[in-house]
PDB file of N, CA and C in Angstrom:
ATOM      1  N   UNK A   1     -10.554   1.505  -0.425  1.00  0.00           N
ATOM      2  CA  UNK A   1      -9.664   0.416  -0.770  1.00  0.00           C
ATOM      3  C   UNK A   1     -10.489  -0.860  -0.896  1.00  0.00           C
ATOM      4  N   UNK A   2      -9.936  -1.803  -1.589  1.00  0.00           N
ATOM      5  CA  UNK A   2     -10.648  -3.058  -1.764  1.00  0.00           C
ATOM      6  C   UNK A   2     -10.226  -4.056  -0.691  1.00  0.00           C
ATOM      7  N   UNK A   3     -11.194  -4.436   0.108  1.00  0.00           N
ATOM      8  CA  UNK A   3     -10.974  -5.446   1.141  1.00  0.00           C
ATOM      9  C   UNK A   3     -12.158  -6.400   1.080  1.00  0.00           C
ATOM     10  N   UNK A   4     -11.878  -7.682   1.030  1.00  0.00           N
ATOM     11  CA  UNK A   4     -12.967  -8.647   0.988  1.00  0.00           C
ATOM     12  C   UNK A   4     -13.408  -8.984   2.417  1.00  0.00           C
ATOM     13  N   UNK A   5     -14.639  -9.448   2.527  1.00  0.00           N
ATOM     14  CA  UNK A   5     -15.229  -9.708   3.841  1.00  0.00           C
ATOM     15  C   UNK A   5     -14.401 -10.706   4.665  1.00  0.00           C
ATOM     16  N   UNK A   6     -13.920 -11.807   4.092  1.00  0.00           N
ATOM     17  CA  UNK A   6     -13.120 -12.715   4.920  1.00  0.00           C
ATOM     18  C   UNK A   6     -11.894 -12.027   5.537  1.00  0.00           C
ATOM     19  N   UNK A   7     -11.282 -11.111   4.808  1.00  0.00           N
ATOM     20  CA  UNK A   7     -10.151 -10.357   5.359  1.00  0.00           C
ATOM     21  C   UNK A   7     -10.644  -9.404   6.435  1.00  0.00           C
ATOM     22  N   UNK A   8     -11.734  -8.708   6.160  1.00  0.00           N
ATOM     23  CA  UNK A   8     -12.291  -7.741   7.117  1.00  0.00           C
ATOM     24  C   UNK A   8     -12.678  -8.415   8.433  1.00  0.00           C
ATOM     25  N   UNK A   9     -13.129  -9.658   8.374  1.00  0.00           N
ATOM     26  CA  UNK A   9     -13.514 -10.384   9.592  1.00  0.00           C
ATOM     27  C   UNK A   9     -12.349 -10.491  10.569  1.00  0.00           C
ATOM     28  N   UNK A  10     -11.150 -10.578  10.043  1.00  0.00           N
ATOM     29  CA  UNK A  10      -9.966 -10.662  10.910  1.00  0.00           C
ATOM     30  C   UNK A  10      -9.840  -9.424  11.793  1.00  0.00           C
ATOM     31  N   UNK A  11     -10.490  -8.334  11.356  1.00  0.00           N
ATOM     32  CA  UNK A  11     -10.388  -7.066  12.075  1.00  0.00           C
ATOM     33  C   UNK A  11     -11.736  -6.627  12.642  1.00  0.00           C
ATOM     34  N   UNK A  12     -12.651  -7.602  12.800  1.00  0.00           N
ATOM     35  CA  UNK A  12     -13.910  -7.349  13.481  1.00  0.00           C
ATOM     36  C   UNK A  12     -15.039  -6.808  12.632  1.00  0.00           C
ATOM     37  N   UNK A  13     -14.912  -6.843  11.321  1.00  0.00           N
ATOM     38  CA  UNK A  13     -15.977  -6.354  10.436  1.00  0.00           C
ATOM     39  C   UNK A  13     -16.550  -7.554   9.692  1.00  0.00           C
ATOM     40  N   UNK A  14     -17.839  -7.821   9.930  1.00  0.00           N
ATOM     41  CA  UNK A  14     -18.452  -9.041   9.391  1.00  0.00           C
ATOM     42  C   UNK A  14     -19.332  -8.852   8.160  1.00  0.00           C
ATOM     43  N   UNK A  15     -19.629  -7.626   7.791  1.00  0.00           N
ATOM     44  CA  UNK A  15     -20.567  -7.421   6.687  1.00  0.00           C
ATOM     45  C   UNK A  15     -19.945  -6.576   5.580  1.00  0.00           C
ATOM     46  N   UNK A  16     -20.230  -6.970   4.339  1.00  0.00           N
ATOM     47  CA  UNK A  16     -19.737  -6.211   3.188  1.00  0.00           C
ATOM     48  C   UNK A  16     -20.245  -4.778   3.228  1.00  0.00           C
ATOM     49  N   UNK A  17     -21.475  -4.601   3.679  1.00  0.00           N
ATOM     50  CA  UNK A  17     -22.070  -3.266   3.743  1.00  0.00           C
ATOM     51  C   UNK A  17     -21.235  -2.322   4.622  1.00  0.00           C
ATOM     52  N   UNK A  18     -20.680  -2.842   5.695  1.00  0.00           N
ATOM     53  CA  UNK A  18     -19.864  -2.026   6.598  1.00  0.00           C
ATOM     54  C   UNK A  18     -18.613  -1.504   5.897  1.00  0.00           C
ATOM     55  N   UNK A  19     -18.115  -2.261   4.925  1.00  0.00           N
ATOM     56  CA  UNK A  19     -16.915  -1.838   4.201  1.00  0.00           C
ATOM     57  C   UNK A  19     -17.182  -0.672   3.249  1.00  0.00           C
ATOM     58  N   UNK A  20     -18.462  -0.355   3.033  1.00  0.00           N
ATOM     59  CA  UNK A  20     -18.819   0.796   2.198  1.00  0.00           C
ATOM     60  C   UNK A  20     -18.761   2.095   2.994  1.00  0.00           C
ATOM     61  N   UNK A  21     -18.649   1.990   4.302  1.00  0.00           N
ATOM     62  CA  UNK A  21     -18.458   3.171   5.143  1.00  0.00           C
ATOM     63  C   UNK A  21     -16.987   3.568   5.026  1.00  0.00           C
ATOM     64  N   UNK A  22     -16.685   4.786   4.560  1.00  0.00           N
ATOM     65  CA  UNK A  22     -15.288   5.171   4.340  1.00  0.00           C
ATOM     66  C   UNK A  22     -14.389   5.013   5.567  1.00  0.00           C
ATOM     67  N   UNK A  23     -14.873   5.410   6.741  1.00  0.00           N
ATOM     68  CA  UNK A  23     -14.042   5.295   7.942  1.00  0.00           C
ATOM     69  C   UNK A  23     -13.721   3.841   8.265  1.00  0.00           C
ATOM     70  N   UNK A  24     -14.731   2.982   8.181  1.00  0.00           N
ATOM     71  CA  UNK A  24     -14.530   1.555   8.453  1.00  0.00           C
ATOM     72  C   UNK A  24     -13.581   0.956   7.430  1.00  0.00           C
ATOM     73  N   UNK A  25     -13.796   1.285   6.170  1.00  0.00           N
ATOM     74  CA  UNK A  25     -12.961   0.753   5.100  1.00  0.00           C
ATOM     75  C   UNK A  25     -11.502   1.149   5.301  1.00  0.00           C
ATOM     76  N   UNK A  26     -11.264   2.410   5.594  1.00  0.00           N
ATOM     77  CA  UNK A  26      -9.884   2.867   5.789  1.00  0.00           C
ATOM     78  C   UNK A  26      -9.239   2.239   7.017  1.00  0.00           C
ATOM     79  N   UNK A  27     -10.031   2.095   8.083  1.00  0.00           N
ATOM     80  CA  UNK A  27      -9.492   1.468   9.301  1.00  0.00           C
ATOM     81  C   UNK A  27      -9.073   0.022   9.040  1.00  0.00           C
ATOM     82  N   UNK A  28      -9.967  -0.732   8.416  1.00  0.00           N
ATOM     83  CA  UNK A  28      -9.678  -2.138   8.130  1.00  0.00           C
ATOM     84  C   UNK A  28      -8.499  -2.244   7.168  1.00  0.00           C
ATOM     85  N   UNK A  29      -8.489  -1.413   6.142  1.00  0.00           N
ATOM     86  CA  UNK A  29      -7.408  -1.441   5.150  1.00  0.00           C
ATOM     87  C   UNK A  29      -6.062  -1.117   5.787  1.00  0.00           C
ATOM     88  N   UNK A  30      -6.038  -0.102   6.630  1.00  0.00           N
ATOM     89  CA  UNK A  30      -4.788   0.276   7.303  1.00  0.00           C
ATOM     90  C   UNK A  30      -4.297  -0.838   8.218  1.00  0.00           C
ATOM     91  N   UNK A  31      -5.212  -1.443   8.952  1.00  0.00           N
ATOM     92  CA  UNK A  31      -4.831  -2.555   9.828  1.00  0.00           C
ATOM     93  C   UNK A  31      -4.289  -3.732   9.019  1.00  0.00           C
ATOM     94  N   UNK A  32      -4.936  -3.997   7.901  1.00  0.00           N
ATOM     95  CA  UNK A  32      -4.498  -5.108   7.057  1.00  0.00           C
ATOM     96  C   UNK A  32      -3.108  -4.835   6.479  1.00  0.00           C
ATOM     97  N   UNK A  33      -2.898  -3.625   5.978  1.00  0.00           N
ATOM     98  CA  UNK A  33      -1.584  -3.289   5.427  1.00  0.00           C
ATOM     99  C   UNK A  33      -0.503  -3.360   6.502  1.00  0.00           C
ATOM    100  N   UNK A  34      -0.825  -2.918   7.706  1.00  0.00           N
ATOM    101  CA  UNK A  34       0.133  -3.002   8.814  1.00  0.00           C
ATOM    102  C   UNK A  34       0.456  -4.469   9.130  1.00  0.00           C
ATOM    103  N   UNK A  35      -0.560  -5.318   9.096  1.00  0.00           N
ATOM    104  CA  UNK A  35      -0.367  -6.754   9.318  1.00  0.00           C
ATOM    105  C   UNK A  35       0.561  -7.334   8.246  1.00  0.00           C
ATOM    106  N   UNK A  36       0.336  -6.938   6.998  1.00  0.00           N
ATOM    107  CA  UNK A  36       1.183  -7.421   5.904  1.00  0.00           C
ATOM    108  C   UNK A  36       2.615  -6.905   6.046  1.00  0.00           C
ATOM    109  N   UNK A  37       2.760  -5.663   6.488  1.00  0.00           N
ATOM    110  CA  UNK A  37       4.113  -5.123   6.709  1.00  0.00           C
ATOM    111  C   UNK A  37       4.866  -5.947   7.752  1.00  0.00           C
ATOM    112  N   UNK A  38       4.181  -6.267   8.826  1.00  0.00           N
ATOM    113  CA  UNK A  38       4.832  -7.078   9.876  1.00  0.00           C
ATOM    114  C   UNK A  38       5.200  -8.455   9.343  1.00  0.00           C
ATOM    115  N   UNK A  39       4.271  -9.049   8.627  1.00  0.00           N
ATOM    116  CA  UNK A  39       4.488 -10.420   8.144  1.00  0.00           C
ATOM    117  C   UNK A  39       5.625 -10.499   7.130  1.00  0.00           C
ATOM    118  N   UNK A  40       5.725  -9.475   6.281  1.00  0.00           N
ATOM    119  CA  UNK A  40       6.721  -9.522   5.203  1.00  0.00           C
ATOM    120  C   UNK A  40       7.873  -8.539   5.408  1.00  0.00           C
ATOM    121  N   UNK A  41       8.093  -8.172   6.670  1.00  0.00           N
ATOM    122  CA  UNK A  41       9.258  -7.384   7.022  1.00  0.00           C
ATOM    123  C   UNK A  41       9.372  -6.052   6.311  1.00  0.00           C
ATOM    124  N   UNK A  42       8.260  -5.381   6.112  1.00  0.00           N
ATOM    125  CA  UNK A  42       8.242  -4.072   5.440  1.00  0.00           C
ATOM    126  C   UNK A  42       8.756  -4.117   4.003  1.00  0.00           C
ATOM    127  N   UNK A  43       8.812  -5.291   3.404  1.00  0.00           N
ATOM    128  CA  UNK A  43       9.197  -5.405   1.989  1.00  0.00           C
ATOM    129  C   UNK A  43       7.988  -4.967   1.165  1.00  0.00           C
ATOM    130  N   UNK A  44       8.053  -3.747   0.642  1.00  0.00           N
ATOM    131  CA  UNK A  44       6.896  -3.160  -0.026  1.00  0.00           C
ATOM    132  C   UNK A  44       6.394  -4.008  -1.188  1.00  0.00           C
ATOM    133  N   UNK A  45       7.292  -4.587  -1.953  1.00  0.00           N
ATOM    134  CA  UNK A  45       6.872  -5.426  -3.082  1.00  0.00           C
ATOM    135  C   UNK A  45       6.048  -6.623  -2.602  1.00  0.00           C
ATOM    136  N   UNK A  46       6.496  -7.259  -1.527  1.00  0.00           N
ATOM    137  CA  UNK A  46       5.767  -8.416  -1.006  1.00  0.00           C
ATOM    138  C   UNK A  46       4.447  -8.005  -0.354  1.00  0.00           C
ATOM    139  N   UNK A  47       4.454  -6.861   0.313  1.00  0.00           N
ATOM    140  CA  UNK A  47       3.210  -6.360   0.920  1.00  0.00           C
ATOM    141  C   UNK A  47       2.173  -6.119  -0.171  1.00  0.00           C
ATOM    142  N   UNK A  48       2.583  -5.470  -1.250  1.00  0.00           N
ATOM    143  CA  UNK A  48       1.659  -5.201  -2.353  1.00  0.00           C
ATOM    144  C   UNK A  48       1.196  -6.492  -3.022  1.00  0.00           C
ATOM    145  N   UNK A  49       2.111  -7.417  -3.212  1.00  0.00           N
ATOM    146  CA  UNK A  49       1.747  -8.696  -3.824  1.00  0.00           C
ATOM    147  C   UNK A  49       0.760  -9.448  -2.946  1.00  0.00           C
ATOM    148  N   UNK A  50       0.995  -9.435  -1.641  1.00  0.00           N
ATOM    149  CA  UNK A  50       0.088 -10.123  -0.719  1.00  0.00           C
ATOM    150  C   UNK A  50      -1.275  -9.437  -0.676  1.00  0.00           C
ATOM    151  N   UNK A  51      -1.290  -8.112  -0.747  1.00  0.00           N
ATOM    152  CA  UNK A  51      -2.551  -7.373  -0.762  1.00  0.00           C
ATOM    153  C   UNK A  51      -3.361  -7.752  -1.997  1.00  0.00           C
ATOM    154  N   UNK A  52      -2.670  -7.958  -3.119  1.00  0.00           N
ATOM    155  CA  UNK A  52      -3.358  -8.261  -4.371  1.00  0.00           C
ATOM    156  C   UNK A  52      -3.705  -9.742  -4.515  1.00  0.00           C
ATOM    157  N   UNK A  53      -2.738 -10.607  -4.268  1.00  0.00           N
ATOM    158  CA  UNK A  53      -2.923 -12.039  -4.540  1.00  0.00           C
ATOM    159  C   UNK A  53      -3.243 -12.864  -3.302  1.00  0.00           C
ATOM    160  N   UNK A  54      -3.001 -12.283  -2.132  1.00  0.00           N
ATOM    161  CA  UNK A  54      -3.207 -13.008  -0.888  1.00  0.00           C
ATOM    162  C   UNK A  54      -1.891 -13.427  -0.270  1.00  0.00           C
ATOM    163  N   UNK A  55      -1.902 -13.458   1.040  1.00  0.00           N
ATOM    164  CA  UNK A  55      -0.687 -13.818   1.782  1.00  0.00           C
ATOM    165  C   UNK A  55      -0.212 -15.217   1.442  1.00  0.00           C
ATOM    166  N   UNK A  56      -1.155 -16.145   1.326  1.00  0.00           N
ATOM    167  CA  UNK A  56      -0.802 -17.539   1.049  1.00  0.00           C
ATOM    168  C   UNK A  56      -0.096 -17.681  -0.292  1.00  0.00           C
ATOM    169  N   UNK A  57      -0.498 -16.890  -1.270  1.00  0.00           N
ATOM    170  CA  UNK A  57       0.131 -16.969  -2.596  1.00  0.00           C
ATOM    171  C   UNK A  57       1.593 -16.537  -2.520  1.00  0.00           C
ATOM    172  N   UNK A  58       1.867 -15.489  -1.750  1.00  0.00           N
ATOM    173  CA  UNK A  58       3.248 -15.019  -1.601  1.00  0.00           C
ATOM    174  C   UNK A  58       4.075 -16.077  -0.865  1.00  0.00           C
ATOM    175  N   UNK A  59       3.510 -16.672   0.163  1.00  0.00           N
ATOM    176  CA  UNK A  59       4.217 -17.738   0.910  1.00  0.00           C
ATOM    177  C   UNK A  59       4.448 -18.953   0.005  1.00  0.00           C
ATOM    178  N   UNK A  60       3.428 -19.323  -0.732  1.00  0.00           N
ATOM    179  CA  UNK A  60       3.506 -20.496  -1.617  1.00  0.00           C
ATOM    180  C   UNK A  60       4.632 -20.358  -2.639  1.00  0.00           C
ATOM    181  N   UNK A  61       4.900 -19.133  -3.043  1.00  0.00           N
ATOM    182  CA  UNK A  61       5.927 -18.885  -4.059  1.00  0.00           C
ATOM    183  C   UNK A  61       7.248 -18.425  -3.440  1.00  0.00           C
ATOM    184  N   UNK A  62       7.507 -18.919  -2.232  1.00  0.00           N
ATOM    185  CA  UNK A  62       8.799 -18.683  -1.598  1.00  0.00           C
ATOM    186  C   UNK A  62       9.054 -17.247  -1.190  1.00  0.00           C
ATOM    187  N   UNK A  63       7.974 -16.586  -0.746  1.00  0.00           N
ATOM    188  CA  UNK A  63       8.070 -15.177  -0.335  1.00  0.00           C
ATOM    189  C   UNK A  63       8.603 -14.312  -1.474  1.00  0.00           C
ATOM    190  N   UNK A  64       8.073 -14.598  -2.644  1.00  0.00           N
ATOM    191  CA  UNK A  64       8.358 -13.803  -3.837  1.00  0.00           C
ATOM    192  C   UNK A  64       7.033 -13.384  -4.447  1.00  0.00           C
ATOM    193  N   UNK A  65       7.089 -12.414  -5.344  1.00  0.00           N
ATOM    194  CA  UNK A  65       5.871 -11.997  -6.040  1.00  0.00           C
ATOM    195  C   UNK A  65       5.386 -13.181  -6.873  1.00  0.00           C
ATOM    196  N   UNK A  66       4.146 -13.603  -6.672  1.00  0.00           N
ATOM    197  CA  UNK A  66       3.631 -14.746  -7.428  1.00  0.00           C
ATOM    198  C   UNK A  66       3.670 -14.491  -8.945  1.00  0.00           C
ATOM    199  N   UNK A  67       3.798 -15.560  -9.710  1.00  0.00           N
ATOM    200  CA  UNK A  67       3.904 -15.405 -11.166  1.00  0.00           C
ATOM    201  C   UNK A  67       2.548 -15.180 -11.845  1.00  0.00           C
ATOM    202  N   UNK A  68       1.733 -14.360 -11.240  1.00  0.00           N
ATOM    203  CA  UNK A  68       0.430 -14.040 -11.813  1.00  0.00           C
ATOM    204  C   UNK A  68       0.553 -12.679 -12.488  1.00  0.00           C
ATOM    205  N   UNK A  69       0.176 -12.607 -13.754  1.00  0.00           N
ATOM    206  CA  UNK A  69       0.310 -11.351 -14.499  1.00  0.00           C
ATOM    207  C   UNK A  69      -0.387 -10.196 -13.774  1.00  0.00           C
ATOM    208  N   UNK A  70      -1.606 -10.432 -13.285  1.00  0.00           N
ATOM    209  CA  UNK A  70      -2.348  -9.363 -12.605  1.00  0.00           C
ATOM    210  C   UNK A  70      -1.568  -8.827 -11.407  1.00  0.00           C
ATOM    211  N   UNK A  71      -1.017  -9.733 -10.613  1.00  0.00           N
ATOM    212  CA  UNK A  71      -0.278  -9.319  -9.418  1.00  0.00           C
ATOM    213  C   UNK A  71       1.014  -8.608  -9.792  1.00  0.00           C
ATOM    214  N   UNK A  72       1.736  -9.133 -10.743  1.00  0.00           N
ATOM    215  CA  UNK A  72       2.979  -8.491 -11.171  1.00  0.00           C
ATOM    216  C   UNK A  72       2.713  -7.092 -11.732  1.00  0.00           C
ATOM    217  N   UNK A  73       1.644  -6.959 -12.533  1.00  0.00           N
ATOM    218  CA  UNK A  73       1.273  -5.643 -13.062  1.00  0.00           C
ATOM    219  C   UNK A  73       0.860  -4.695 -11.945  1.00  0.00           C
ATOM    220  N   UNK A  74       0.107  -5.211 -10.972  1.00  0.00           N
ATOM    221  CA  UNK A  74      -0.346  -4.400  -9.843  1.00  0.00           C
ATOM    222  C   UNK A  74       0.846  -3.847  -9.062  1.00  0.00           C
ATOM    223  N   UNK A  75       1.780  -4.716  -8.730  1.00  0.00           N
ATOM    224  CA  UNK A  75       2.960  -4.295  -7.965  1.00  0.00           C
ATOM    225  C   UNK A  75       3.742  -3.247  -8.748  1.00  0.00           C
ATOM    226  N   UNK A  76       3.955  -3.492 -10.019  1.00  0.00           N
ATOM    227  CA  UNK A  76       4.700  -2.559 -10.861  1.00  0.00           C
ATOM    228  C   UNK A  76       4.006  -1.188 -10.924  1.00  0.00           C
ATOM    229  N   UNK A  77       2.700  -1.181 -11.122  1.00  0.00           N
ATOM    230  CA  UNK A  77       1.956   0.077 -11.237  1.00  0.00           C
ATOM    231  C   UNK A  77       1.950   0.855  -9.917  1.00  0.00           C
ATOM    232  N   UNK A  78       1.743   0.164  -8.819  1.00  0.00           N
ATOM    233  CA  UNK A  78       1.709   0.853  -7.526  1.00  0.00           C
ATOM    234  C   UNK A  78       3.093   1.417  -7.196  1.00  0.00           C
ATOM    235  N   UNK A  79       4.142   0.660  -7.464  1.00  0.00           N
ATOM    236  CA  UNK A  79       5.498   1.160  -7.199  1.00  0.00           C
ATOM    237  C   UNK A  79       5.840   2.364  -8.076  1.00  0.00           C
ATOM    238  N   UNK A  80       5.377   2.357  -9.319  1.00  0.00           N
ATOM    239  CA  UNK A  80       5.608   3.497 -10.212  1.00  0.00           C
ATOM    240  C   UNK A  80       4.885   4.737  -9.688  1.00  0.00           C
ATOM    241  N   UNK A  81       3.667   4.569  -9.243  1.00  0.00           N
ATOM    242  CA  UNK A  81       2.905   5.690  -8.686  1.00  0.00           C
ATOM    243  C   UNK A  81       3.560   6.198  -7.407  1.00  0.00           C
ATOM    244  N   UNK A  82       4.035   5.287  -6.586  1.00  0.00           N
ATOM    245  CA  UNK A  82       4.718   5.649  -5.343  1.00  0.00           C
ATOM    246  C   UNK A  82       5.980   6.460  -5.642  1.00  0.00           C
ATOM    247  N   UNK A  83       6.755   6.020  -6.639  1.00  0.00           N
ATOM    248  CA  UNK A  83       7.974   6.741  -7.023  1.00  0.00           C
ATOM    249  C   UNK A  83       7.630   8.150  -7.501  1.00  0.00           C
ATOM    250  N   UNK A  84       6.557   8.281  -8.257  1.00  0.00           N
ATOM    251  CA  UNK A  84       6.118   9.594  -8.725  1.00  0.00           C
ATOM    252  C   UNK A  84       5.734  10.493  -7.552  1.00  0.00           C
ATOM    253  N   UNK A  85       5.003   9.956  -6.610  1.00  0.00           N
ATOM    254  CA  UNK A  85       4.608  10.737  -5.434  1.00  0.00           C
ATOM    255  C   UNK A  85       5.818  11.166  -4.609  1.00  0.00           C
ATOM    256  N   UNK A  86       6.807  10.291  -4.487  1.00  0.00           N
ATOM    257  CA  UNK A  86       8.035  10.652  -3.769  1.00  0.00           C
ATOM    258  C   UNK A  86       8.775  11.783  -4.478  1.00  0.00           C
ATOM    259  N   UNK A  87       8.793  11.728  -5.796  1.00  0.00           N
ATOM    260  CA  UNK A  87       9.449  12.776  -6.582  1.00  0.00           C
ATOM    261  C   UNK A  87       8.739  14.121  -6.381  1.00  0.00           C
ATOM    262  N   UNK A  88       7.421  14.123  -6.423  1.00  0.00           N
ATOM    263  CA  UNK A  88       6.653  15.343  -6.199  1.00  0.00           C
ATOM    264  C   UNK A  88       6.931  15.880  -4.803  1.00  0.00           C
ATOM    265  N   UNK A  89       6.977  14.989  -3.834  1.00  0.00           N
ATOM    266  CA  UNK A  89       7.243  15.401  -2.456  1.00  0.00           C
ATOM    267  C   UNK A  89       8.623  16.055  -2.320  1.00  0.00           C
ATOM    268  N   UNK A  90       9.633  15.451  -2.970  1.00  0.00           N
ATOM    269  CA  UNK A  90      10.978  16.023  -2.928  1.00  0.00           C
ATOM    270  C   UNK A  90      11.006  17.403  -3.574  1.00  0.00           C
ATOM    271  N   UNK A  91      10.320  17.554  -4.696  1.00  0.00           N
ATOM    272  CA  UNK A  91      10.281  18.845  -5.388  1.00  0.00           C
ATOM    273  C   UNK A  91       9.594  19.903  -4.523  1.00  0.00           C
ATOM    274  N   UNK A  92       8.547  19.514  -3.822  1.00  0.00           N
ATOM    275  CA  UNK A  92       7.862  20.448  -2.932  1.00  0.00           C
ATOM    276  C   UNK A  92       8.781  20.872  -1.791  1.00  0.00           C
ATOM    277  N   UNK A  93       9.543  19.934  -1.256  1.00  0.00           N
ATOM    278  CA  UNK A  93      10.462  20.251  -0.159  1.00  0.00           C
ATOM    279  C   UNK A  93      11.535  21.231  -0.625  1.00  0.00           C
ATOM    280  N   UNK A  94      12.050  21.043  -1.829  1.00  0.00           N
ATOM    281  CA  UNK A  94      13.059  21.945  -2.375  1.00  0.00           C
ATOM    282  C   UNK A  94      12.450  23.331  -2.572  1.00  0.00           C
ATOM    283  N   UNK A  95      11.242  23.384  -3.104  1.00  0.00           N
ATOM    284  CA  UNK A  95      10.563  24.669  -3.312  1.00  0.00           C
ATOM    285  C   UNK A  95      10.331  25.391  -1.991  1.00  0.00           C
ATOM    286  N   UNK A  96       9.909  24.650  -0.985  1.00  0.00           N
ATOM    287  CA  UNK A  96       9.675  25.254   0.330  1.00  0.00           C
ATOM    288  C   UNK A  96      10.971  25.760   0.940  1.00  0.00           C
ATOM    289  N   UNK A  97      12.056  25.009   0.773  1.00  0.00           N
ATOM    290  CA  UNK A  97      13.359  25.441   1.289  1.00  0.00           C
ATOM    291  C   UNK A  97      13.823  26.707   0.589  1.00  0.00           C
ATOM    292  N   UNK A  98      13.638  26.773  -0.721  1.00  0.00           N
ATOM    293  CA  UNK A  98      14.049  27.948  -1.488  1.00  0.00           C
ATOM    294  C   UNK A  98      13.259  29.189  -1.050  1.00  0.00           C
ATOM    295  N   UNK A  99      12.003  28.993  -0.693  1.00  0.00           N
ATOM    296  CA  UNK A  99      11.169  30.108  -0.269  1.00  0.00           C
ATOM    297  C   UNK A  99      11.609  30.670   1.067  1.00  0.00           C
ATOM    298  N   UNK A 100      12.294  29.865   1.870  1.00  0.00           N
ATOM    299  CA  UNK A 100      12.737  30.308   3.189  1.00  0.00           C
ATOM    300  C   UNK A 100      14.035  31.115   3.137  1.00  0.00           C
ATOM    301  N   UNK A 101      14.782  30.996   2.037  1.00  0.00           N
ATOM    302  CA  UNK A 101      16.058  31.693   1.898  1.00  0.00           C
ATOM    303  C   UNK A 101      15.787  33.097   1.354  1.00  0.00           C
ATOM    304  N   UNK A 102      16.382  34.117   1.967  1.00  0.00           N
ATOM    305  CA  UNK A 102      16.170  35.494   1.470  1.00  0.00           C
ATOM    306  C   UNK A 102      16.502  35.600  -0.021  1.00  0.00           C
ATOM    307  N   UNK A 103      15.629  36.205  -0.760  1.00  0.00           N
ATOM    308  CA  UNK A 103      15.813  36.342  -2.191  1.00  0.00           C
ATOM    309  C   UNK A 103      15.356  35.125  -2.967  1.00  0.00           C
ATOM    310  N   UNK A 104      14.965  34.064  -2.267  1.00  0.00           N
ATOM    311  CA  UNK A 104      14.439  32.863  -2.923  1.00  0.00           C
ATOM    312  C   UNK A 104      15.501  31.994  -3.567  1.00  0.00           C
ATOM    313  N   UNK A 105      16.775  32.286  -3.318  1.00  0.00           N
ATOM    314  CA  UNK A 105      17.843  31.468  -3.908  1.00  0.00           C
ATOM    315  C   UNK A 105      18.571  30.710  -2.819  1.00  0.00           C
ATOM    316  N   UNK A 106      19.054  29.542  -3.173  1.00  0.00           N
ATOM    317  CA  UNK A 106      19.820  28.756  -2.199  1.00  0.00           C
ATOM    318  C   UNK A 106      21.243  29.213  -2.121  1.00  0.00           C
TER     319      UNK A 106
END
């Protein structure tokens, strides 16, 4: 994930090189996303906007997605991918349930 050094410092990582370590990168990224969830009340759109544009930008724009094309596109693309993953997950759950019923039918 992309995390800049000033953000990483908040979580005890002071060097860009350390962020190239996958475990460190994932730890810092997860902590940062959790921080954003708390700050923006689990509002996924605002969490994504803050991750992309910065927390201050979301606050500056009244806790709304900032009017930056890059940020708006980012939020839209991530939400679309998330919806696709949820759909795949639901289809897998239905398939697994069908496999548990004798004869494979519900």
